Amino acid sequence: MSLNLQTIRDKVEFFESSSLEQLETDIQKKIEQNEAMMLGVHHVQHHAHTRSENGRSIYTAVVHFRAVPAP
């Protein structure tokens, strides 16, 4: 067994939800988790899609996290 002690510099996470409120909650939880790993939000991209079959909206987001520069 070996341990890899390299720091994470970039991380991209994808989110999907049927409500905008739940999407925001999921993203906020992940932001708090990534802050513990010294990663901050670099960019957020979000979309709303309407399904043609049932007319329901699906909300998606891509969040790019980057390493927080040392002071």
PDB file of N, CA and C in Angstrom:
ATOM      1  N   MET A   1       0.838  -1.178   0.000  1.00  0.00           N
ATOM      2  CA  MET A   1       0.000   0.000   0.000  1.00  0.00           C
ATOM      3  C   MET A   1       0.882   1.239   0.000  1.00  0.00           C
ATOM      4  N   SER A   2       0.513   2.216  -0.824  1.00  0.00           N
ATOM      5  CA  SER A   2       1.288   3.447  -0.877  1.00  0.00           C
ATOM      6  C   SER A   2       0.351   4.646  -0.736  1.00  0.00           C
ATOM      7  N   LEU A   3       0.879   5.685  -0.156  1.00  0.00           N
ATOM      8  CA  LEU A   3       0.123   6.922   0.016  1.00  0.00           C
ATOM      9  C   LEU A   3       0.620   7.966  -0.971  1.00  0.00           C
ATOM     10  N   ASN A   4      -0.291   8.654  -1.588  1.00  0.00           N
ATOM     11  CA  ASN A   4       0.046   9.734  -2.494  1.00  0.00           C
ATOM     12  C   ASN A   4      -0.267  11.049  -1.792  1.00  0.00           C
ATOM     13  N   LEU A   5       0.749  11.853  -1.542  1.00  0.00           N
ATOM     14  CA  LEU A   5       0.569  13.089  -0.785  1.00  0.00           C
ATOM     15  C   LEU A   5       0.587  14.337  -1.658  1.00  0.00           C
ATOM     16  N   GLN A   6       0.281  14.197  -2.933  1.00  0.00           N
ATOM     17  CA  GLN A   6       0.221  15.359  -3.805  1.00  0.00           C
ATOM     18  C   GLN A   6      -1.033  16.171  -3.488  1.00  0.00           C
ATOM     19  N   THR A   7      -0.914  17.468  -3.642  1.00  0.00           N
ATOM     20  CA  THR A   7      -2.070  18.327  -3.394  1.00  0.00           C
ATOM     21  C   THR A   7      -2.978  18.350  -4.625  1.00  0.00           C
ATOM     22  N   ILE A   8      -4.253  18.539  -4.376  1.00  0.00           N
ATOM     23  CA  ILE A   8      -5.219  18.670  -5.460  1.00  0.00           C
ATOM     24  C   ILE A   8      -5.230  20.132  -5.874  1.00  0.00           C
ATOM     25  N   ARG A   9      -5.005  20.399  -7.153  1.00  0.00           N
ATOM     26  CA  ARG A   9      -4.976  21.780  -7.626  1.00  0.00           C
ATOM     27  C   ARG A   9      -6.275  22.191  -8.296  1.00  0.00           C
ATOM     28  N   ASP A  10      -6.885  21.269  -9.004  1.00  0.00           N
ATOM     29  CA  ASP A  10      -8.139  21.536  -9.708  1.00  0.00           C
ATOM     30  C   ASP A  10      -9.075  20.366  -9.517  1.00  0.00           C
ATOM     31  N   LYS A  11     -10.350  20.681  -9.430  1.00  0.00           N
ATOM     32  CA  LYS A  11     -11.369  19.646  -9.259  1.00  0.00           C
ATOM     33  C   LYS A  11     -12.656  20.166  -9.880  1.00  0.00           C
ATOM     34  N   VAL A  12     -13.312  19.338 -10.682  1.00  0.00           N
ATOM     35  CA  VAL A  12     -14.571  19.711 -11.317  1.00  0.00           C
ATOM     36  C   VAL A  12     -15.643  18.749 -10.839  1.00  0.00           C
ATOM     37  N   GLU A  13     -16.767  19.290 -10.387  1.00  0.00           N
ATOM     38  CA  GLU A  13     -17.862  18.447  -9.907  1.00  0.00           C
ATOM     39  C   GLU A  13     -19.144  18.826 -10.638  1.00  0.00           C
ATOM     40  N   PHE A  14     -19.989  17.807 -10.856  1.00  0.00           N
ATOM     41  CA  PHE A  14     -21.235  17.967 -11.593  1.00  0.00           C
ATOM     42  C   PHE A  14     -22.411  17.695 -10.666  1.00  0.00           C
ATOM     43  N   PHE A  15     -23.471  18.478 -10.816  1.00  0.00           N
ATOM     44  CA  PHE A  15     -24.649  18.359  -9.972  1.00  0.00           C
ATOM     45  C   PHE A  15     -25.905  18.342 -10.838  1.00  0.00           C
ATOM     46  N   GLU A  16     -26.926  17.629 -10.370  1.00  0.00           N
ATOM     47  CA  GLU A  16     -28.212  17.583 -11.052  1.00  0.00           C
ATOM     48  C   GLU A  16     -29.305  17.451 -10.007  1.00  0.00           C
ATOM     49  N   SER A  17     -30.422  18.170 -10.231  1.00  0.00           N
ATOM     50  CA  SER A  17     -31.533  18.121  -9.293  1.00  0.00           C
ATOM     51  C   SER A  17     -32.822  18.498 -10.010  1.00  0.00           C
ATOM     52  N   SER A  18     -33.926  18.115  -9.408  1.00  0.00           N
ATOM     53  CA  SER A  18     -35.221  18.468  -9.984  1.00  0.00           C
ATOM     54  C   SER A  18     -35.744  19.800  -9.446  1.00  0.00           C
ATOM     55  N   SER A  19     -35.051  20.370  -8.449  1.00  0.00           N
ATOM     56  CA  SER A  19     -35.451  21.693  -7.941  1.00  0.00           C
ATOM     57  C   SER A  19     -34.209  22.570  -7.769  1.00  0.00           C
ATOM     58  N   LEU A  20     -34.393  23.837  -8.003  1.00  0.00           N
ATOM     59  CA  LEU A  20     -33.287  24.780  -7.887  1.00  0.00           C
ATOM     60  C   LEU A  20     -32.796  24.882  -6.443  1.00  0.00           C
ATOM     61  N   GLU A  21     -33.712  24.823  -5.495  1.00  0.00           N
ATOM     62  CA  GLU A  21     -33.340  24.912  -4.079  1.00  0.00           C
ATOM     63  C   GLU A  21     -32.453  23.736  -3.664  1.00  0.00           C
ATOM     64  N   GLN A  22     -32.801  22.525  -4.119  1.00  0.00           N
ATOM     65  CA  GLN A  22     -32.004  21.341  -3.785  1.00  0.00           C
ATOM     66  C   GLN A  22     -30.634  21.416  -4.445  1.00  0.00           C
ATOM     67  N   LEU A  23     -30.571  21.918  -5.663  1.00  0.00           N
ATOM     68  CA  LEU A  23     -29.293  22.081  -6.352  1.00  0.00           C
ATOM     69  C   LEU A  23     -28.389  23.033  -5.573  1.00  0.00           C
ATOM     70  N   GLU A  24     -28.932  24.155  -5.116  1.00  0.00           N
ATOM     71  CA  GLU A  24     -28.159  25.113  -4.331  1.00  0.00           C
ATOM     72  C   GLU A  24     -27.663  24.497  -3.025  1.00  0.00           C
ATOM     73  N   THR A  25     -28.504  23.701  -2.380  1.00  0.00           N
ATOM     74  CA  THR A  25     -28.119  23.037  -1.132  1.00  0.00           C
ATOM     75  C   THR A  25     -26.978  22.053  -1.372  1.00  0.00           C
ATOM     76  N   ASP A  26     -27.089  21.261  -2.431  1.00  0.00           N
ATOM     77  CA  ASP A  26     -26.046  20.282  -2.751  1.00  0.00           C
ATOM     78  C   ASP A  26     -24.715  20.964  -3.046  1.00  0.00           C
ATOM     79  N   ILE A  27     -24.763  22.053  -3.809  1.00  0.00           N
ATOM     80  CA  ILE A  27     -23.536  22.773  -4.143  1.00  0.00           C
ATOM     81  C   ILE A  27     -22.927  23.394  -2.890  1.00  0.00           C
ATOM     82  N   GLN A  28     -23.742  23.972  -2.020  1.00  0.00           N
ATOM     83  CA  GLN A  28     -23.220  24.591  -0.794  1.00  0.00           C
ATOM     84  C   GLN A  28     -22.540  23.565   0.108  1.00  0.00           C
ATOM     85  N   LYS A  29     -23.126  22.379   0.229  1.00  0.00           N
ATOM     86  CA  LYS A  29     -22.500  21.321   1.035  1.00  0.00           C
ATOM     87  C   LYS A  29     -21.139  20.948   0.472  1.00  0.00           C
ATOM     88  N   LYS A  30     -21.051  20.846  -0.857  1.00  0.00           N
ATOM     89  CA  LYS A  30     -19.790  20.463  -1.482  1.00  0.00           C
ATOM     90  C   LYS A  30     -18.754  21.570  -1.360  1.00  0.00           C
ATOM     91  N   ILE A  31     -19.194  22.825  -1.409  1.00  0.00           N
ATOM     92  CA  ILE A  31     -18.266  23.943  -1.211  1.00  0.00           C
ATOM     93  C   ILE A  31     -17.638  23.860   0.176  1.00  0.00           C
ATOM     94  N   GLU A  32     -18.448  23.596   1.191  1.00  0.00           N
ATOM     95  CA  GLU A  32     -17.935  23.484   2.560  1.00  0.00           C
ATOM     96  C   GLU A  32     -16.953  22.329   2.688  1.00  0.00           C
ATOM     97  N   GLN A  33     -17.243  21.198   2.061  1.00  0.00           N
ATOM     98  CA  GLN A  33     -16.332  20.046   2.099  1.00  0.00           C
ATOM     99  C   GLN A  33     -15.010  20.370   1.413  1.00  0.00           C
ATOM    100  N   ASN A  34     -15.066  21.048   0.274  1.00  0.00           N
ATOM    101  CA  ASN A  34     -13.854  21.345  -0.475  1.00  0.00           C
ATOM    102  C   ASN A  34     -13.026  22.447   0.168  1.00  0.00           C
ATOM    103  N   GLU A  35     -13.660  23.327   0.920  1.00  0.00           N
ATOM    104  CA  GLU A  35     -12.901  24.340   1.649  1.00  0.00           C
ATOM    105  C   GLU A  35     -11.987  23.687   2.678  1.00  0.00           C
ATOM    106  N   ALA A  36     -12.410  22.569   3.235  1.00  0.00           N
ATOM    107  CA  ALA A  36     -11.570  21.831   4.186  1.00  0.00           C
ATOM    108  C   ALA A  36     -10.327  21.266   3.500  1.00  0.00           C
ATOM    109  N   MET A  37     -10.398  21.077   2.182  1.00  0.00           N
ATOM    110  CA  MET A  37      -9.253  20.587   1.407  1.00  0.00           C
ATOM    111  C   MET A  37      -8.509  21.731   0.729  1.00  0.00           C
ATOM    112  N   MET A  38      -8.784  22.969   1.189  1.00  0.00           N
ATOM    113  CA  MET A  38      -8.137  24.176   0.673  1.00  0.00           C
ATOM    114  C   MET A  38      -8.438  24.408  -0.811  1.00  0.00           C
ATOM    115  N   LEU A  39      -9.685  24.119  -1.205  1.00  0.00           N
ATOM    116  CA  LEU A  39     -10.134  24.378  -2.568  1.00  0.00           C
ATOM    117  C   LEU A  39     -11.251  25.412  -2.523  1.00  0.00           C
ATOM    118  N   GLY A  40     -11.151  26.414  -3.371  1.00  0.00           N
ATOM    119  CA  GLY A  40     -12.180  27.435  -3.452  1.00  0.00           C
ATOM    120  C   GLY A  40     -12.870  27.383  -4.801  1.00  0.00           C
ATOM    121  N   VAL A  41     -14.027  27.991  -4.900  1.00  0.00           N
ATOM    122  CA  VAL A  41     -14.780  28.002  -6.153  1.00  0.00           C
ATOM    123  C   VAL A  41     -14.097  28.949  -7.133  1.00  0.00           C
ATOM    124  N   HIS A  42     -13.812  28.421  -8.315  1.00  0.00           N
ATOM    125  CA  HIS A  42     -13.219  29.224  -9.376  1.00  0.00           C
ATOM    126  C   HIS A  42     -14.279  29.657 -10.388  1.00  0.00           C
ATOM    127  N   HIS A  43     -15.181  28.737 -10.732  1.00  0.00           N
ATOM    128  CA  HIS A  43     -16.187  29.030 -11.749  1.00  0.00           C
ATOM    129  C   HIS A  43     -17.403  28.133 -11.547  1.00  0.00           C
ATOM    130  N   VAL A  44     -18.588  28.684 -11.775  1.00  0.00           N
ATOM    131  CA  VAL A  44     -19.833  27.914 -11.710  1.00  0.00           C
ATOM    132  C   VAL A  44     -20.600  28.147 -13.004  1.00  0.00           C
ATOM    133  N   GLN A  45     -21.070  27.061 -13.579  1.00  0.00           N
ATOM    134  CA  GLN A  45     -21.904  27.148 -14.777  1.00  0.00           C
ATOM    135  C   GLN A  45     -23.157  26.330 -14.515  1.00  0.00           C
ATOM    136  N   HIS A  46     -24.328  26.899 -14.778  1.00  0.00           N
ATOM    137  CA  HIS A  46     -25.560  26.180 -14.487  1.00  0.00           C
ATOM    138  C   HIS A  46     -26.534  26.302 -15.648  1.00  0.00           C
ATOM    139  N   HIS A  47     -27.418  25.316 -15.763  1.00  0.00           N
ATOM    140  CA  HIS A  47     -28.400  25.265 -16.838  1.00  0.00           C
ATOM    141  C   HIS A  47     -29.712  24.724 -16.310  1.00  0.00           C
ATOM    142  N   ALA A  48     -30.778  25.086 -16.986  1.00  0.00           N
ATOM    143  CA  ALA A  48     -32.104  24.518 -16.717  1.00  0.00           C
ATOM    144  C   ALA A  48     -32.586  23.880 -18.012  1.00  0.00           C
ATOM    145  N   HIS A  49     -32.990  22.630 -17.923  1.00  0.00           N
ATOM    146  CA  HIS A  49     -33.468  21.886 -19.077  1.00  0.00           C
ATOM    147  C   HIS A  49     -34.913  21.476 -18.821  1.00  0.00           C
ATOM    148  N   THR A  50     -35.730  21.531 -19.850  1.00  0.00           N
ATOM    149  CA  THR A  50     -37.103  21.062 -19.743  1.00  0.00           C
ATOM    150  C   THR A  50     -37.227  19.786 -20.554  1.00  0.00           C
ATOM    151  N   ARG A  51     -37.672  18.727 -19.902  1.00  0.00           N
ATOM    152  CA  ARG A  51     -37.847  17.457 -20.591  1.00  0.00           C
ATOM    153  C   ARG A  51     -39.091  17.519 -21.472  1.00  0.00           C
ATOM    154  N   SER A  52     -38.945  17.072 -22.692  1.00  0.00           N
ATOM    155  CA  SER A  52     -40.075  17.125 -23.623  1.00  0.00           C
ATOM    156  C   SER A  52     -41.132  16.070 -23.297  1.00  0.00           C
ATOM    157  N   GLU A  53     -40.727  14.969 -22.659  1.00  0.00           N
ATOM    158  CA  GLU A  53     -41.677  13.893 -22.350  1.00  0.00           C
ATOM    159  C   GLU A  53     -42.730  14.328 -21.327  1.00  0.00           C
ATOM    160  N   ASN A  54     -42.272  14.994 -20.274  1.00  0.00           N
ATOM    161  CA  ASN A  54     -43.205  15.321 -19.189  1.00  0.00           C
ATOM    162  C   ASN A  54     -43.248  16.815 -18.838  1.00  0.00           C
ATOM    163  N   GLY A  55     -42.441  17.626 -19.473  1.00  0.00           N
ATOM    164  CA  GLY A  55     -42.455  19.060 -19.225  1.00  0.00           C
ATOM    165  C   GLY A  55     -41.805  19.495 -17.929  1.00  0.00           C
ATOM    166  N   ARG A  56     -41.167  18.585 -17.206  1.00  0.00           N
ATOM    167  CA  ARG A  56     -40.498  18.935 -15.942  1.00  0.00           C
ATOM    168  C   ARG A  56     -39.108  19.504 -16.202  1.00  0.00           C
ATOM    169  N   SER A  57     -38.711  20.384 -15.315  1.00  0.00           N
ATOM    170  CA  SER A  57     -37.389  20.997 -15.440  1.00  0.00           C
ATOM    171  C   SER A  57     -36.352  20.198 -14.674  1.00  0.00           C
ATOM    172  N   ILE A  58     -35.166  20.146 -15.246  1.00  0.00           N
ATOM    173  CA  ILE A  58     -33.999  19.540 -14.597  1.00  0.00           C
ATOM    174  C   ILE A  58     -32.946  20.636 -14.513  1.00  0.00           C
ATOM    175  N   TYR A  59     -32.387  20.821 -13.330  1.00  0.00           N
ATOM    176  CA  TYR A  59     -31.375  21.842 -13.107  1.00  0.00           C
ATOM    177  C   TYR A  59     -30.019  21.158 -12.952  1.00  0.00           C
ATOM    178  N   THR A  60     -29.030  21.650 -13.693  1.00  0.00           N
ATOM    179  CA  THR A  60     -27.693  21.082 -13.629  1.00  0.00           C
ATOM    180  C   THR A  60     -26.682  22.192 -13.363  1.00  0.00           C
ATOM    181  N   ALA A  61     -25.542  21.797 -12.816  1.00  0.00           N
ATOM    182  CA  ALA A  61     -24.467  22.757 -12.565  1.00  0.00           C
ATOM    183  C   ALA A  61     -23.123  22.048 -12.646  1.00  0.00           C
ATOM    184  N   VAL A  62     -22.133  22.802 -13.086  1.00  0.00           N
ATOM    185  CA  VAL A  62     -20.751  22.351 -13.086  1.00  0.00           C
ATOM    186  C   VAL A  62     -19.986  23.363 -12.242  1.00  0.00           C
ATOM    187  N   VAL A  63     -19.265  22.875 -11.236  1.00  0.00           N
ATOM    188  CA  VAL A  63     -18.507  23.756 -10.356  1.00  0.00           C
ATOM    189  C   VAL A  63     -17.030  23.385 -10.462  1.00  0.00           C
ATOM    190  N   HIS A  64     -16.216  24.387 -10.805  1.00  0.00           N
ATOM    191  CA  HIS A  64     -14.767  24.198 -10.913  1.00  0.00           C
ATOM    192  C   HIS A  64     -14.132  24.738  -9.642  1.00  0.00           C
ATOM    193  N   PHE A  65     -13.462  23.860  -8.911  1.00  0.00           N
ATOM    194  CA  PHE A  65     -12.755  24.247  -7.688  1.00  0.00           C
ATOM    195  C   PHE A  65     -11.264  24.348  -8.001  1.00  0.00           C
ATOM    196  N   ARG A  66     -10.613  25.319  -7.382  1.00  0.00           N
ATOM    197  CA  ARG A  66      -9.174  25.497  -7.536  1.00  0.00           C
ATOM    198  C   ARG A  66      -8.522  25.660  -6.175  1.00  0.00           C
ATOM    199  N   ALA A  67      -7.240  25.292  -6.122  1.00  0.00           N
ATOM    200  CA  ALA A  67      -6.499  25.417  -4.880  1.00  0.00           C
ATOM    201  C   ALA A  67      -6.438  26.885  -4.452  1.00  0.00           C
ATOM    202  N   VAL A  68      -6.647  27.110  -3.183  1.00  0.00           N
ATOM    203  CA  VAL A  68      -6.571  28.459  -2.618  1.00  0.00           C
ATOM    204  C   VAL A  68      -5.091  28.798  -2.438  1.00  0.00           C
ATOM    205  N   PRO A  69      -4.651  29.938  -2.979  1.00  0.00           N
ATOM    206  CA  PRO A  69      -3.225  30.309  -2.839  1.00  0.00           C
ATOM    207  C   PRO A  69      -2.843  30.498  -1.366  1.00  0.00           C
ATOM    208  N   ALA A  70      -1.669  30.056  -1.052  1.00  0.00           N
ATOM    209  CA  ALA A  70      -1.167  30.213   0.325  1.00  0.00           C
ATOM    210  C   ALA A  70      -0.849  31.681   0.590  1.00  0.00           C
ATOM    211  N   PRO A  71      -1.129  32.155   1.806  1.00  0.00           N
ATOM    212  CA  PRO A  71      -0.859  33.577   2.119  1.00  0.00           C
ATOM    213  C   PRO A  71       0.609  33.902   2.200  1.00  0.00           C
TER     214      PRO A  71
END
